[in-house]
Amino acid sequence: MPDARPCDTHPDFVDFKYPLPHLAQSLKRQRKIRIVAIGSSSTAGADNVIPYPPRLELFLRKRFYGRMIDVLNRGIGGQEAPEELSRFESDVIEEEPSLVIWQVGTNAVYRNQDYNPDEVAAAIAVGLDWLAGLPMDVVLMDLQYTRAVVGPKIRLSEDMVARISAAAEKAKVNVFRRFALMRRWNNDNIPIEELDDGSQLHTSDWATNCITLALDGAIAGAPRRTRSLRAQLVKICRSFVSQRQNHPAIPHGRPIQGMETTMMRYLPDHGLPLVQLKEQRRDLVVALQNRNGPVSGWELMQIAAVQQAISAFEDVIADLDAEMEAAA
């Protein structure tokens, strides 16, 4: 392939749908960050082509200057999801990564006589369910688009790509759509022969490097959390009210919904809500200090409600700041 051929990473094909909150937090709070890449020969490397994990490590270290980002290569050629799943405990979980990239599906098509697609899909689902309970993000990487898995095997490949996508969507994790990206290159008049390294299976040096650039961009461009600040605070406020439903300080007959209304009144969607909350707390405290009579438990709980909202705002804002800085 000509050295001058440009690399079009087609973000519209590979951009991630879901945030990577654990990686974002690690980039904010840690200097040393660990990513595990598990899979088959596309991950391990083959035919003297440097595979994507060490390339990704270099790209991410350059992008996130000052972070010691290690991409651990846990690929073993010839394996598929069932065998890789058996290595999760030692090769993935014990490493405590912030991000796991699990490359699957190629051998299920290339060696379709050895693998049942239903069993491969089931192994992927079990693995995603296992990782979902751990403090790490997950990205599935689907098949390469090379001669060994297209042609007469194109329908098998498309079926496996669809199964991987369905498993990821059910688990709410991202898919790096390598198959669609490479097919687009082929549709853009890059000969399919130039997408592999001569083996007809493994990607060429150019394709591997461009795939890695696209993956680097997808990781860096992962969306931040989409749940609104107000939605998070509403949940916190309602929890606060629920916990105090039977508090002895609440006068008999006073509806508890009044407390929620009080709290929600201090959660505006515009202006400077944190400043407004602190001013409201100050006004409530000053009003009580200037009073000669006794202070009721209800009035104290009003102040506590505002303080609860202030704390909620500060926690949420800190999280959003961390995610924004990590994505910058």
Protein backbone atom coordinates (compact mmCIF):
# COMPACT_ATOMS: atom_id res chain seq x y z
CA MET A 1 0.00 0.00 0.00
CA PRO A 2 1.38 3.45 -0.83
CA ASP A 3 2.92 5.18 2.17
CA ALA A 4 1.15 8.42 1.27
CA ARG A 5 -2.35 6.95 1.52
CA PRO A 6 -4.28 9.09 4.02
CA CYS A 7 -6.14 7.62 6.97
CA ASP A 8 -9.83 8.53 7.15
CA THR A 9 -11.07 7.33 10.53
CA HIS A 10 -14.76 8.02 9.74
CA PRO A 11 -15.90 9.07 13.23
CA ASP A 12 -19.51 8.73 12.11
CA PHE A 13 -18.95 4.97 11.93
CA VAL A 14 -16.94 4.45 15.10
CA ASP A 15 -17.90 7.15 17.62
CA PHE A 16 -19.01 5.69 20.94
CA LYS A 17 -22.59 5.86 22.16
CA TYR A 18 -21.94 5.54 25.88
CA PRO A 19 -19.60 7.36 28.30
CA LEU A 20 -16.44 5.81 29.73
CA PRO A 21 -16.82 7.11 33.30
CA HIS A 22 -14.20 4.89 34.97
CA LEU A 23 -11.55 5.83 32.44
CA ALA A 24 -12.50 9.50 32.73
CA GLN A 25 -12.17 9.38 36.51
CA SER A 26 -8.80 7.61 36.26
CA LEU A 27 -7.51 10.24 33.84
CA LYS A 28 -8.60 12.92 36.31
CA ARG A 29 -7.29 11.42 39.53
CA GLN A 30 -4.47 9.02 38.65
CA ARG A 31 -1.17 9.32 36.85
CA LYS A 32 -0.94 5.59 36.15
CA ILE A 33 -3.84 4.18 34.15
CA ARG A 34 -4.25 0.59 33.03
CA ILE A 35 -6.18 -0.68 30.00
CA VAL A 36 -6.50 -4.39 29.17
CA ALA A 37 -6.85 -5.54 25.56
CA ILE A 38 -8.07 -9.14 25.35
CA GLY A 39 -8.83 -11.09 22.20
CA SER A 40 -7.28 -13.28 19.52
CA SER A 41 -4.53 -12.67 16.96
CA SER A 42 -5.92 -9.24 16.05
CA THR A 43 -4.94 -8.28 19.59
CA ALA A 44 -1.89 -10.49 20.09
CA GLY A 45 -0.34 -9.61 16.74
CA ALA A 46 0.56 -11.71 13.72
CA ASP A 47 2.79 -11.81 10.63
CA ASN A 48 5.29 -9.24 11.92
CA VAL A 49 2.69 -6.45 12.01
CA ILE A 50 2.68 -4.49 15.27
CA PRO A 51 -0.83 -4.99 16.71
CA TYR A 52 -3.14 -2.27 17.93
CA PRO A 53 -2.49 -2.41 21.76
CA PRO A 54 1.06 -0.96 21.73
CA ARG A 55 0.05 1.56 19.10
CA LEU A 56 -2.94 2.62 21.17
CA GLU A 57 -0.71 3.02 24.22
CA LEU A 58 1.51 5.45 22.32
CA PHE A 59 -1.43 7.43 20.91
CA LEU A 60 -3.14 7.74 24.31
CA ARG A 61 0.06 8.77 26.09
CA LYS A 62 0.56 11.47 23.48
CA ARG A 63 -3.05 12.62 23.76
CA PHE A 64 -3.15 12.61 27.57
CA TYR A 65 0.27 14.07 28.22
CA GLY A 66 1.69 13.33 31.65
CA ARG A 67 -0.36 10.17 32.18
CA MET A 68 1.40 6.82 32.32
CA ILE A 69 -1.13 4.82 30.33
CA ASP A 70 -0.36 1.13 29.94
CA VAL A 71 -2.29 -0.99 27.44
CA LEU A 72 -1.74 -4.60 28.48
CA ASN A 73 -1.87 -7.04 25.58
CA ARG A 74 -3.76 -10.16 26.62
CA GLY A 75 -4.44 -11.52 23.13
CA ILE A 76 -3.90 -15.17 22.22
CA GLY A 77 -4.08 -16.18 18.57
CA GLY A 78 -6.80 -18.61 17.57
CA GLN A 79 -9.05 -18.00 20.55
CA GLU A 80 -12.66 -16.89 20.62
CA ALA A 81 -14.99 -15.53 23.30
CA PRO A 82 -15.48 -18.86 25.19
CA GLU A 83 -11.73 -19.37 25.70
CA GLU A 84 -11.15 -15.69 26.44
CA LEU A 85 -13.90 -15.75 29.04
CA SER A 86 -12.01 -18.48 30.90
CA ARG A 87 -9.04 -16.09 31.19
CA PHE A 88 -10.99 -13.14 32.58
CA GLU A 89 -10.07 -13.71 36.22
CA SER A 90 -6.31 -13.82 35.67
CA ASP A 91 -5.87 -11.70 32.54
CA VAL A 92 -8.46 -8.98 33.08
CA ILE A 93 -9.94 -8.68 36.55
CA GLU A 94 -6.71 -9.13 38.52
CA GLU A 95 -5.16 -6.25 36.55
CA GLU A 96 -7.88 -3.84 37.82
CA PRO A 97 -8.03 -1.81 34.59
CA SER A 98 -10.07 1.32 34.02
CA LEU A 99 -10.99 0.07 30.54
CA VAL A 100 -11.29 -3.37 28.92
CA ILE A 101 -11.23 -3.72 25.13
CA TRP A 102 -12.55 -7.15 24.18
CA GLN A 103 -11.99 -8.13 20.53
CA VAL A 104 -14.35 -10.94 19.52
CA GLY A 105 -16.05 -12.68 16.62
CA THR A 106 -13.40 -13.20 13.96
CA ASN A 107 -12.54 -16.82 14.70
CA ALA A 108 -16.22 -17.69 15.06
CA VAL A 109 -16.45 -16.91 11.32
CA TYR A 110 -12.97 -17.85 10.10
CA ARG A 111 -13.17 -21.24 11.86
CA ASN A 112 -16.92 -21.59 11.77
CA GLN A 113 -16.63 -25.38 11.77
CA ASP A 114 -15.19 -25.13 15.31
CA TYR A 115 -17.61 -22.61 16.84
CA ASN A 116 -21.35 -22.42 17.31
CA PRO A 117 -22.40 -18.77 16.91
CA ASP A 118 -25.03 -19.14 19.65
CA GLU A 119 -22.37 -20.33 22.09
CA VAL A 120 -20.05 -17.49 21.12
CA ALA A 121 -22.83 -14.95 21.62
CA ALA A 122 -23.69 -16.54 24.98
CA ALA A 123 -20.06 -16.29 26.10
CA ILE A 124 -19.97 -12.61 25.15
CA ALA A 125 -23.16 -11.97 27.13
CA VAL A 126 -21.80 -13.79 30.19
CA GLY A 127 -18.54 -11.86 30.00
CA LEU A 128 -20.29 -8.52 29.74
CA ASP A 129 -22.54 -9.39 32.65
CA TRP A 130 -19.48 -10.34 34.72
CA LEU A 131 -17.62 -7.13 33.95
CA ALA A 132 -20.73 -5.00 34.53
CA GLY A 133 -20.40 -5.47 38.28
CA LEU A 134 -16.81 -4.24 38.36
CA PRO A 135 -15.35 -0.69 38.35
CA MET A 136 -14.18 -0.73 34.74
CA ASP A 137 -15.51 0.36 31.36
CA VAL A 138 -15.88 -2.13 28.50
CA VAL A 139 -15.57 -1.76 24.73
CA LEU A 140 -16.27 -4.64 22.35
CA MET A 141 -14.28 -4.69 19.11
CA ASP A 142 -15.94 -6.61 16.29
CA LEU A 143 -14.49 -8.37 13.23
CA GLN A 144 -11.99 -7.11 10.70
CA TYR A 145 -13.15 -6.78 7.10
CA THR A 146 -10.62 -8.91 5.22
CA ARG A 147 -10.80 -11.51 2.47
CA ALA A 148 -10.89 -14.49 4.84
CA VAL A 149 -14.16 -13.38 6.47
CA VAL A 150 -15.99 -11.83 3.52
CA GLY A 151 -16.70 -13.34 0.10
CA PRO A 152 -18.50 -16.63 0.75
CA LYS A 153 -18.50 -15.95 4.50
CA ILE A 154 -19.99 -12.47 4.34
CA ARG A 155 -23.38 -13.54 5.75
CA LEU A 156 -21.71 -15.33 8.65
CA SER A 157 -19.66 -12.19 9.33
CA GLU A 158 -22.67 -9.89 9.18
CA ASP A 159 -24.58 -12.19 11.52
CA MET A 160 -21.73 -12.18 14.04
CA VAL A 161 -21.38 -8.39 13.80
CA ALA A 162 -25.11 -8.08 14.54
CA ARG A 163 -24.84 -10.46 17.53
CA ILE A 164 -21.94 -8.46 18.97
CA SER A 165 -23.87 -5.23 18.53
CA ALA A 166 -26.97 -6.70 20.19
CA ALA A 167 -24.97 -7.98 23.17
CA ALA A 168 -23.31 -4.59 23.61
CA GLU A 169 -26.61 -2.73 23.39
CA LYS A 170 -28.21 -4.99 25.98
CA ALA A 171 -25.26 -4.42 28.33
CA LYS A 172 -25.09 -0.68 27.51
CA VAL A 173 -21.43 -0.82 26.47
CA ASN A 174 -19.70 0.54 23.39
CA VAL A 175 -18.76 -1.33 20.23
CA PHE A 176 -15.75 -0.32 18.18
CA ARG A 177 -17.14 -1.09 14.70
CA ARG A 178 -14.02 -2.26 12.96
CA PHE A 179 -15.96 -4.25 10.35
CA ALA A 180 -18.03 -1.26 9.23
CA LEU A 181 -14.97 1.02 9.19
CA MET A 182 -12.91 -1.29 6.99
CA ARG A 183 -15.87 -1.99 4.70
CA ARG A 184 -16.20 1.78 4.24
CA TRP A 185 -12.54 1.97 3.24
CA ASN A 186 -13.15 -0.75 0.67
CA ASN A 187 -16.23 1.12 -0.59
CA ASP A 188 -14.01 4.20 -0.87
CA ASN A 189 -11.94 2.31 -3.45
CA ILE A 190 -9.19 0.99 -1.22
CA PRO A 191 -8.65 -2.53 -2.61
CA ILE A 192 -9.54 -5.23 -0.10
CA GLU A 193 -6.19 -6.86 -0.88
CA GLU A 194 -4.50 -3.86 0.70
CA LEU A 195 -6.48 -4.19 3.92
CA ASP A 196 -4.79 -7.45 4.89
CA ASP A 197 -1.15 -8.37 5.26
CA GLY A 198 -1.14 -11.06 2.56
CA SER A 199 -2.58 -13.72 4.86
CA GLN A 200 -6.11 -12.74 3.78
CA LEU A 201 -7.04 -12.71 7.50
CA HIS A 202 -4.91 -10.29 9.50
CA THR A 203 -4.94 -6.55 8.88
CA SER A 204 -2.09 -4.84 7.07
CA ASP A 205 0.25 -2.42 8.78
CA TRP A 206 -1.60 0.57 7.28
CA ALA A 207 -5.03 -0.77 8.23
CA THR A 208 -3.88 -1.67 11.76
CA ASN A 209 -2.48 1.80 12.29
CA CYS A 210 -5.57 3.54 10.92
CA ILE A 211 -7.85 1.29 13.01
CA THR A 212 -5.86 2.30 16.09
CA LEU A 213 -6.14 5.99 15.24
CA ALA A 214 -9.89 5.57 14.94
CA LEU A 215 -10.06 3.75 18.28
CA ASP A 216 -7.96 6.45 19.95
CA GLY A 217 -10.34 9.09 18.64
CA ALA A 218 -13.41 7.15 19.77
CA ILE A 219 -12.03 6.76 23.29
CA ALA A 220 -11.09 10.43 23.55
CA GLY A 221 -14.44 11.51 22.13
CA ALA A 222 -16.64 9.27 24.28
CA PRO A 223 -19.69 11.21 25.46
CA ARG A 224 -19.94 12.48 28.98
CA ARG A 225 -22.78 11.37 31.20
CA THR A 226 -26.06 12.54 29.75
CA ARG A 227 -28.25 12.46 32.85
CA SER A 228 -29.08 16.05 33.67
CA LEU A 229 -27.90 17.78 36.80
CA ARG A 230 -31.49 18.42 37.77
CA ALA A 231 -32.42 14.72 37.39
CA GLN A 232 -29.58 13.70 39.69
CA LEU A 233 -30.60 16.26 42.29
CA VAL A 234 -34.27 15.31 42.11
CA LYS A 235 -33.31 11.75 42.92
CA ILE A 236 -31.19 12.88 45.89
CA CYS A 237 -33.93 15.19 47.18
CA ARG A 238 -36.59 12.51 47.01
CA SER A 239 -34.33 10.08 48.82
CA PHE A 240 -33.77 12.70 51.52
CA VAL A 241 -37.52 13.20 51.95
CA SER A 242 -38.24 9.47 51.99
CA GLN A 243 -35.68 8.86 54.74
CA ARG A 244 -37.33 11.51 56.91
CA GLN A 245 -40.97 10.52 56.36
CA ASN A 246 -41.46 9.51 59.99
CA HIS A 247 -39.01 11.92 61.60
CA PRO A 248 -40.33 13.05 65.05
CA ALA A 249 -39.54 16.68 64.26
CA ILE A 250 -42.24 16.84 61.59
CA PRO A 251 -45.47 18.19 63.08
CA HIS A 252 -48.43 15.85 63.04
CA GLY A 253 -50.58 16.32 59.96
CA ARG A 254 -48.03 18.37 57.97
CA PRO A 255 -47.69 16.71 54.56
CA ILE A 256 -44.19 15.41 53.84
CA GLN A 257 -44.64 16.53 50.23
CA GLY A 258 -44.11 20.03 51.51
CA MET A 259 -40.52 19.18 52.30
CA GLU A 260 -39.92 17.95 48.76
CA THR A 261 -41.52 21.11 47.38
CA THR A 262 -39.28 23.19 49.64
CA MET A 263 -36.19 21.40 48.37
CA MET A 264 -37.20 21.46 44.72
CA ARG A 265 -37.85 25.20 44.90
CA TYR A 266 -34.12 25.59 45.47
CA LEU A 267 -33.12 23.63 42.36
CA PRO A 268 -33.58 26.16 39.54
CA ASP A 269 -32.54 25.26 36.02
CA HIS A 270 -30.97 28.63 35.27
CA GLY A 271 -28.76 31.33 36.78
CA LEU A 272 -26.29 30.39 39.49
CA PRO A 273 -28.14 27.68 41.43
CA LEU A 274 -25.35 26.89 43.86
CA VAL A 275 -24.99 30.55 44.81
CA GLN A 276 -28.75 30.85 45.12
CA LEU A 277 -28.90 27.86 47.42
CA LYS A 278 -26.19 29.22 49.68
CA GLU A 279 -27.94 32.58 49.83
CA GLN A 280 -31.19 30.85 50.75
CA ARG A 281 -29.43 28.93 53.52
CA ARG A 282 -27.97 32.16 54.85
CA ASP A 283 -31.37 33.87 54.82
CA LEU A 284 -33.00 30.98 56.70
CA VAL A 285 -30.25 30.93 59.33
CA VAL A 286 -30.30 34.71 59.80
CA ALA A 287 -34.10 34.68 60.19
CA LEU A 288 -33.83 32.11 62.97
CA GLN A 289 -31.00 33.95 64.70
CA ASN A 290 -33.10 37.14 64.86
CA ARG A 291 -36.12 35.41 66.37
CA ASN A 292 -36.89 35.49 70.10
CA GLY A 293 -39.19 32.46 70.22
CA PRO A 294 -38.35 28.74 69.98
CA VAL A 295 -37.17 27.15 66.74
CA SER A 296 -39.27 24.25 65.47
CA GLY A 297 -37.90 20.99 64.16
CA TRP A 298 -39.63 21.70 60.87
CA GLU A 299 -37.67 24.93 60.42
CA LEU A 300 -34.41 23.13 61.18
CA MET A 301 -35.29 20.52 58.59
CA GLN A 302 -35.87 23.25 56.00
CA ILE A 303 -32.29 24.39 56.55
CA ALA A 304 -31.11 20.78 56.42
CA ALA A 305 -32.96 20.31 53.12
CA VAL A 306 -31.20 23.28 51.56
CA GLN A 307 -27.86 22.03 52.87
CA GLN A 308 -28.59 18.62 51.36
CA ALA A 309 -29.22 20.26 47.99
CA ILE A 310 -26.00 22.28 48.28
CA SER A 311 -23.98 19.13 48.97
CA ALA A 312 -25.67 17.38 46.05
CA PHE A 313 -24.82 20.25 43.70
CA GLU A 314 -21.20 20.28 44.82
CA ASP A 315 -20.81 16.52 44.35
CA VAL A 316 -22.40 16.52 40.90
CA ILE A 317 -20.43 19.56 39.75
CA ALA A 318 -17.18 17.91 40.90
CA ASP A 319 -18.01 14.81 38.87
CA LEU A 320 -18.89 16.84 35.78
CA ASP A 321 -15.71 18.90 36.10
CA ALA A 322 -13.67 15.68 36.27
CA GLU A 323 -15.31 14.29 33.14
CA MET A 324 -14.89 17.55 31.22
CA GLU A 325 -11.22 17.83 32.13
CA ALA A 326 -10.59 14.22 31.14
CA ALA A 327 -12.26 14.79 27.77
CA ALA A 328 -10.42 18.06 27.10
